[in-house]
Amino acid sequence: MQKTMPAAMGRYLVGRHESVFAGEEQRKLTLRGFWVGCFLSFFLAIGAPYGNMIIRGSYMALDFNTPGAIFLFLILIGVLNLLFKVTASSKGRTLACALIAVTGWYYAYWPFESLDPHSPGLIFSTFLLISFVVNLPLVWSGRNLVLNRAELILVYAMLLMAVTAPT
């Protein structure tokens, strides 16, 4: 009986040291991924005790449980990053999205006498507003705020680390 290695296993062993994304441009971490991760971690650190002590709602962070981190990450990849990708190809779409964000923020908080600067809703909506307004000149100059895979992994890891501290 002759012992041979199957061809598929040989191809796997030859190419296993190569990157999974060898055909793609190698992307690195940038300051925008760190900025988004810091803000979302800050928001989670404020929102978890606020939801627990003020609202008396369900736990967003309880020791090492991560529903708050998963929720914020899904909002990031499902809404924010998707909108940045859609608007990155057109200056008109970027302008329309920024105008919608500004109009929605003003509509939600118009009588500015009742603004609570400690409210997580105000902090998060202001972050969204600033993100869309900052994305406008970036798209017009040929860049954008779309996060790549490495930055998304960084943001999620930062959220996982931040979820353990507030409660």
C-alpha atoms as a PDB file:
ATOM      1  CA  MET A   1       0.000   0.000   0.000  1.00  0.00           C
ATOM      2  CA  GLN A   2       1.477   3.284  -1.120  1.00  0.00           C
ATOM      3  CA  LYS A   3       0.955   6.243   1.209  1.00  0.00           C
ATOM      4  CA  THR A   4       0.213   9.463  -0.674  1.00  0.00           C
ATOM      5  CA  MET A   5      -1.316  12.738   0.250  1.00  0.00           C
ATOM      6  CA  PRO A   6      -4.492  13.782  -1.540  1.00  0.00           C
ATOM      7  CA  ALA A   7      -4.006  16.619  -4.038  1.00  0.00           C
ATOM      8  CA  ALA A   8      -6.454  18.928  -2.254  1.00  0.00           C
ATOM      9  CA  MET A   9      -4.539  18.554   1.013  1.00  0.00           C
ATOM     10  CA  GLY A  10      -1.255  19.294  -0.759  1.00  0.00           C
ATOM     11  CA  ARG A  11      -2.701  22.501  -2.272  1.00  0.00           C
ATOM     12  CA  TYR A  12      -3.952  23.518   1.156  1.00  0.00           C
ATOM     13  CA  LEU A  13      -0.569  22.966   2.797  1.00  0.00           C
ATOM     14  CA  VAL A  14       1.242  24.923   0.097  1.00  0.00           C
ATOM     15  CA  GLY A  15      -1.056  27.925   0.327  1.00  0.00           C
ATOM     16  CA  ARG A  16      -1.896  27.996   4.024  1.00  0.00           C
ATOM     17  CA  HIS A  17       0.704  30.633   4.861  1.00  0.00           C
ATOM     18  CA  GLU A  18      -0.826  33.099   2.393  1.00  0.00           C
ATOM     19  CA  SER A  19      -3.425  35.598   3.492  1.00  0.00           C
ATOM     20  CA  VAL A  20      -7.077  34.742   3.039  1.00  0.00           C
ATOM     21  CA  PHE A  21      -7.509  38.106   1.358  1.00  0.00           C
ATOM     22  CA  ALA A  22      -4.408  37.843  -0.843  1.00  0.00           C
ATOM     23  CA  GLY A  23      -6.251  39.216  -3.875  1.00  0.00           C
ATOM     24  CA  GLU A  24      -7.481  42.292  -2.026  1.00  0.00           C
ATOM     25  CA  GLU A  25      -5.532  45.392  -1.252  1.00  0.00           C
ATOM     26  CA  GLN A  26      -3.940  45.011   2.169  1.00  0.00           C
ATOM     27  CA  ARG A  27      -5.752  47.472   4.392  1.00  0.00           C
ATOM     28  CA  LYS A  28      -4.431  48.783   7.629  1.00  0.00           C
ATOM     29  CA  LEU A  29      -5.919  50.337  10.706  1.00  0.00           C
ATOM     30  CA  THR A  30      -6.542  54.055  10.508  1.00  0.00           C
ATOM     31  CA  LEU A  31      -7.453  56.790  12.925  1.00  0.00           C
ATOM     32  CA  ARG A  32     -11.114  56.699  11.838  1.00  0.00           C
ATOM     33  CA  GLY A  33     -11.537  53.135  13.114  1.00  0.00           C
ATOM     34  CA  PHE A  34      -9.938  54.074  16.409  1.00  0.00           C
ATOM     35  CA  TRP A  35     -12.160  57.181  16.653  1.00  0.00           C
ATOM     36  CA  VAL A  36     -15.356  55.205  16.034  1.00  0.00           C
ATOM     37  CA  GLY A  37     -14.273  52.500  18.478  1.00  0.00           C
ATOM     38  CA  CYS A  38     -13.468  55.060  21.175  1.00  0.00           C
ATOM     39  CA  PHE A  39     -16.770  56.849  20.758  1.00  0.00           C
ATOM     40  CA  LEU A  40     -18.888  53.694  20.713  1.00  0.00           C
ATOM     41  CA  SER A  41     -17.018  52.375  23.751  1.00  0.00           C
ATOM     42  CA  PHE A  42     -17.628  55.689  25.514  1.00  0.00           C
ATOM     43  CA  PHE A  43     -21.291  55.555  24.531  1.00  0.00           C
ATOM     44  CA  LEU A  44     -21.604  52.001  25.834  1.00  0.00           C
ATOM     45  CA  ALA A  45     -19.885  52.973  29.086  1.00  0.00           C
ATOM     46  CA  ILE A  46     -22.415  55.792  29.560  1.00  0.00           C
ATOM     47  CA  GLY A  47     -25.473  54.005  28.159  1.00  0.00           C
ATOM     48  CA  ALA A  48     -25.195  50.809  30.209  1.00  0.00           C
ATOM     49  CA  PRO A  49     -25.404  52.463  33.663  1.00  0.00           C
ATOM     50  CA  TYR A  50     -27.999  54.932  32.333  1.00  0.00           C
ATOM     51  CA  GLY A  51     -30.214  52.086  31.158  1.00  0.00           C
ATOM     52  CA  ASN A  52     -29.660  50.169  34.365  1.00  0.00           C
ATOM     53  CA  MET A  53     -30.091  52.940  36.965  1.00  0.00           C
ATOM     54  CA  ILE A  54     -32.219  55.628  35.293  1.00  0.00           C
ATOM     55  CA  ILE A  55     -34.458  53.788  32.843  1.00  0.00           C
ATOM     56  CA  ARG A  56     -34.476  50.519  34.805  1.00  0.00           C
ATOM     57  CA  GLY A  57     -34.429  48.592  31.555  1.00  0.00           C
ATOM     58  CA  SER A  58     -32.705  45.430  30.458  1.00  0.00           C
ATOM     59  CA  TYR A  59     -28.964  45.009  30.900  1.00  0.00           C
ATOM     60  CA  MET A  60     -26.801  46.188  28.005  1.00  0.00           C
ATOM     61  CA  ALA A  61     -23.664  45.102  29.809  1.00  0.00           C
ATOM     62  CA  LEU A  62     -23.468  42.753  32.751  1.00  0.00           C
ATOM     63  CA  ASP A  63     -19.955  41.511  33.488  1.00  0.00           C
ATOM     64  CA  PHE A  64     -18.937  39.696  30.307  1.00  0.00           C
ATOM     65  CA  ASN A  65     -22.345  39.525  28.596  1.00  0.00           C
ATOM     66  CA  THR A  66     -22.241  41.630  25.453  1.00  0.00           C
ATOM     67  CA  PRO A  67     -25.719  42.460  24.112  1.00  0.00           C
ATOM     68  CA  GLY A  68     -24.905  46.182  24.147  1.00  0.00           C
ATOM     69  CA  ALA A  69     -21.671  45.643  22.218  1.00  0.00           C
ATOM     70  CA  ILE A  70     -23.386  43.422  19.671  1.00  0.00           C
ATOM     71  CA  PHE A  71     -26.246  45.902  19.251  1.00  0.00           C
ATOM     72  CA  LEU A  72     -23.911  48.866  18.706  1.00  0.00           C
ATOM     73  CA  PHE A  73     -21.759  46.853  16.311  1.00  0.00           C
ATOM     74  CA  LEU A  74     -24.827  45.812  14.290  1.00  0.00           C
ATOM     75  CA  ILE A  75     -25.945  49.458  14.150  1.00  0.00           C
ATOM     76  CA  LEU A  76     -22.450  50.366  12.962  1.00  0.00           C
ATOM     77  CA  ILE A  77     -22.225  47.789  10.183  1.00  0.00           C
ATOM     78  CA  GLY A  78     -25.910  47.650   9.276  1.00  0.00           C
ATOM     79  CA  VAL A  79     -26.746  51.337   9.223  1.00  0.00           C
ATOM     80  CA  LEU A  80     -23.809  53.697   9.530  1.00  0.00           C
ATOM     81  CA  ASN A  81     -21.186  51.877   7.449  1.00  0.00           C
ATOM     82  CA  LEU A  82     -23.812  50.921   4.855  1.00  0.00           C
ATOM     83  CA  LEU A  83     -24.923  54.537   4.486  1.00  0.00           C
ATOM     84  CA  PHE A  84     -21.315  55.641   4.132  1.00  0.00           C
ATOM     85  CA  LYS A  85     -20.768  53.034   1.387  1.00  0.00           C
ATOM     86  CA  VAL A  86     -23.910  54.049  -0.490  1.00  0.00           C
ATOM     87  CA  THR A  87     -23.125  57.750  -0.286  1.00  0.00           C
ATOM     88  CA  ALA A  88     -19.400  57.373  -1.059  1.00  0.00           C
ATOM     89  CA  SER A  89     -20.035  57.104  -4.801  1.00  0.00           C
ATOM     90  CA  SER A  90     -22.109  60.259  -5.182  1.00  0.00           C
ATOM     91  CA  LYS A  91     -21.630  63.778  -3.875  1.00  0.00           C
ATOM     92  CA  GLY A  92     -25.362  64.425  -4.167  1.00  0.00           C
ATOM     93  CA  ARG A  93     -26.255  61.408  -2.032  1.00  0.00           C
ATOM     94  CA  THR A  94     -23.740  62.488   0.584  1.00  0.00           C
ATOM     95  CA  LEU A  95     -25.209  65.977   0.680  1.00  0.00           C
ATOM     96  CA  ALA A  96     -28.756  64.594   0.907  1.00  0.00           C
ATOM     97  CA  CYS A  97     -27.791  62.230   3.749  1.00  0.00           C
ATOM     98  CA  ALA A  98     -26.055  65.044   5.667  1.00  0.00           C
ATOM     99  CA  LEU A  99     -29.087  67.309   5.206  1.00  0.00           C
ATOM    100  CA  ILE A 100     -31.422  64.559   6.414  1.00  0.00           C
ATOM    101  CA  ALA A 101     -29.207  64.031   9.478  1.00  0.00           C
ATOM    102  CA  VAL A 102     -29.133  67.753  10.302  1.00  0.00           C
ATOM    103  CA  THR A 103     -32.873  68.144   9.724  1.00  0.00           C
ATOM    104  CA  GLY A 104     -33.687  65.068  11.828  1.00  0.00           C
ATOM    105  CA  TRP A 105     -31.461  66.228  14.672  1.00  0.00           C
ATOM    106  CA  TYR A 106     -33.045  69.694  14.707  1.00  0.00           C
ATOM    107  CA  TYR A 107     -36.532  68.207  14.467  1.00  0.00           C
ATOM    108  CA  ALA A 108     -35.872  65.908  17.431  1.00  0.00           C
ATOM    109  CA  TYR A 109     -34.313  68.553  19.688  1.00  0.00           C
ATOM    110  CA  TRP A 110     -35.777  71.865  18.409  1.00  0.00           C
ATOM    111  CA  PRO A 111     -36.819  73.566  21.638  1.00  0.00           C
ATOM    112  CA  PHE A 112     -33.239  73.534  22.888  1.00  0.00           C
ATOM    113  CA  GLU A 113     -34.285  74.495  26.426  1.00  0.00           C
ATOM    114  CA  SER A 114     -34.971  70.875  27.332  1.00  0.00           C
ATOM    115  CA  LEU A 115     -31.673  69.375  26.126  1.00  0.00           C
ATOM    116  CA  ASP A 116     -30.106  66.969  28.603  1.00  0.00           C
ATOM    117  CA  PRO A 117     -26.367  66.806  27.809  1.00  0.00           C
ATOM    118  CA  HIS A 118     -26.073  63.564  29.790  1.00  0.00           C
ATOM    119  CA  SER A 119     -28.694  61.738  27.731  1.00  0.00           C
ATOM    120  CA  PRO A 120     -27.239  58.821  25.740  1.00  0.00           C
ATOM    121  CA  GLY A 121     -29.782  59.483  22.970  1.00  0.00           C
ATOM    122  CA  LEU A 122     -28.515  63.030  22.517  1.00  0.00           C
ATOM    123  CA  ILE A 123     -24.885  61.889  22.595  1.00  0.00           C
ATOM    124  CA  PHE A 124     -25.456  59.123  20.040  1.00  0.00           C
ATOM    125  CA  SER A 125     -27.557  61.257  17.690  1.00  0.00           C
ATOM    126  CA  THR A 126     -24.949  64.026  17.880  1.00  0.00           C
ATOM    127  CA  PHE A 127     -22.272  61.474  16.975  1.00  0.00           C
ATOM    128  CA  LEU A 128     -24.334  60.423  13.943  1.00  0.00           C
ATOM    129  CA  LEU A 129     -24.847  64.056  12.968  1.00  0.00           C
ATOM    130  CA  ILE A 130     -21.134  64.852  13.235  1.00  0.00           C
ATOM    131  CA  SER A 131     -20.244  61.698  11.296  1.00  0.00           C
ATOM    132  CA  PHE A 132     -22.499  62.572   8.368  1.00  0.00           C
ATOM    133  CA  VAL A 133     -21.398  66.203   8.311  1.00  0.00           C
ATOM    134  CA  VAL A 134     -17.691  65.230   8.430  1.00  0.00           C
ATOM    135  CA  ASN A 135     -18.275  62.648   5.685  1.00  0.00           C
ATOM    136  CA  LEU A 136     -19.510  65.390   3.332  1.00  0.00           C
ATOM    137  CA  PRO A 137     -16.166  67.177   2.718  1.00  0.00           C
ATOM    138  CA  LEU A 138     -14.324  63.860   2.806  1.00  0.00           C
ATOM    139  CA  VAL A 139     -16.407  62.457  -0.063  1.00  0.00           C
ATOM    140  CA  TRP A 140     -15.978  65.676  -2.013  1.00  0.00           C
ATOM    141  CA  SER A 141     -12.201  65.352  -1.630  1.00  0.00           C
ATOM    142  CA  GLY A 142     -12.200  61.701  -2.752  1.00  0.00           C
ATOM    143  CA  ARG A 143     -12.107  59.955   0.643  1.00  0.00           C
ATOM    144  CA  ASN A 144     -14.854  58.663   2.943  1.00  0.00           C
ATOM    145  CA  LEU A 145     -15.595  57.296   6.402  1.00  0.00           C
ATOM    146  CA  VAL A 146     -16.287  53.694   5.318  1.00  0.00           C
ATOM    147  CA  LEU A 147     -14.592  51.300   7.733  1.00  0.00           C
ATOM    148  CA  ASN A 148     -12.689  48.323   6.311  1.00  0.00           C
ATOM    149  CA  ARG A 149     -12.585  44.835   7.829  1.00  0.00           C
ATOM    150  CA  ALA A 150      -9.574  45.480  10.030  1.00  0.00           C
ATOM    151  CA  GLU A 151     -11.172  48.614  11.457  1.00  0.00           C
ATOM    152  CA  LEU A 152     -14.459  46.814  12.098  1.00  0.00           C
ATOM    153  CA  ILE A 153     -12.597  44.100  13.998  1.00  0.00           C
ATOM    154  CA  LEU A 154     -10.829  46.803  16.015  1.00  0.00           C
ATOM    155  CA  VAL A 155     -14.138  48.499  16.856  1.00  0.00           C
ATOM    156  CA  TYR A 156     -15.736  45.224  17.936  1.00  0.00           C
ATOM    157  CA  ALA A 157     -12.737  44.310  20.097  1.00  0.00           C
ATOM    158  CA  MET A 158     -12.866  47.744  21.720  1.00  0.00           C
ATOM    159  CA  LEU A 159     -16.594  47.292  22.413  1.00  0.00           C
ATOM    160  CA  LEU A 160     -15.970  43.870  23.961  1.00  0.00           C
ATOM    161  CA  MET A 161     -13.345  45.359  26.274  1.00  0.00           C
ATOM    162  CA  ALA A 162     -15.540  48.334  27.175  1.00  0.00           C
ATOM    163  CA  VAL A 163     -18.596  46.229  28.023  1.00  0.00           C
ATOM    164  CA  THR A 164     -16.965  44.730  31.114  1.00  0.00           C
ATOM    165  CA  ALA A 165     -16.224  48.005  32.926  1.00  0.00           C
ATOM    166  CA  PRO A 166     -19.463  50.000  33.405  1.00  0.00           C
ATOM    167  CA  THR A 167     -21.483  47.500  35.420  1.00  0.00           C
END
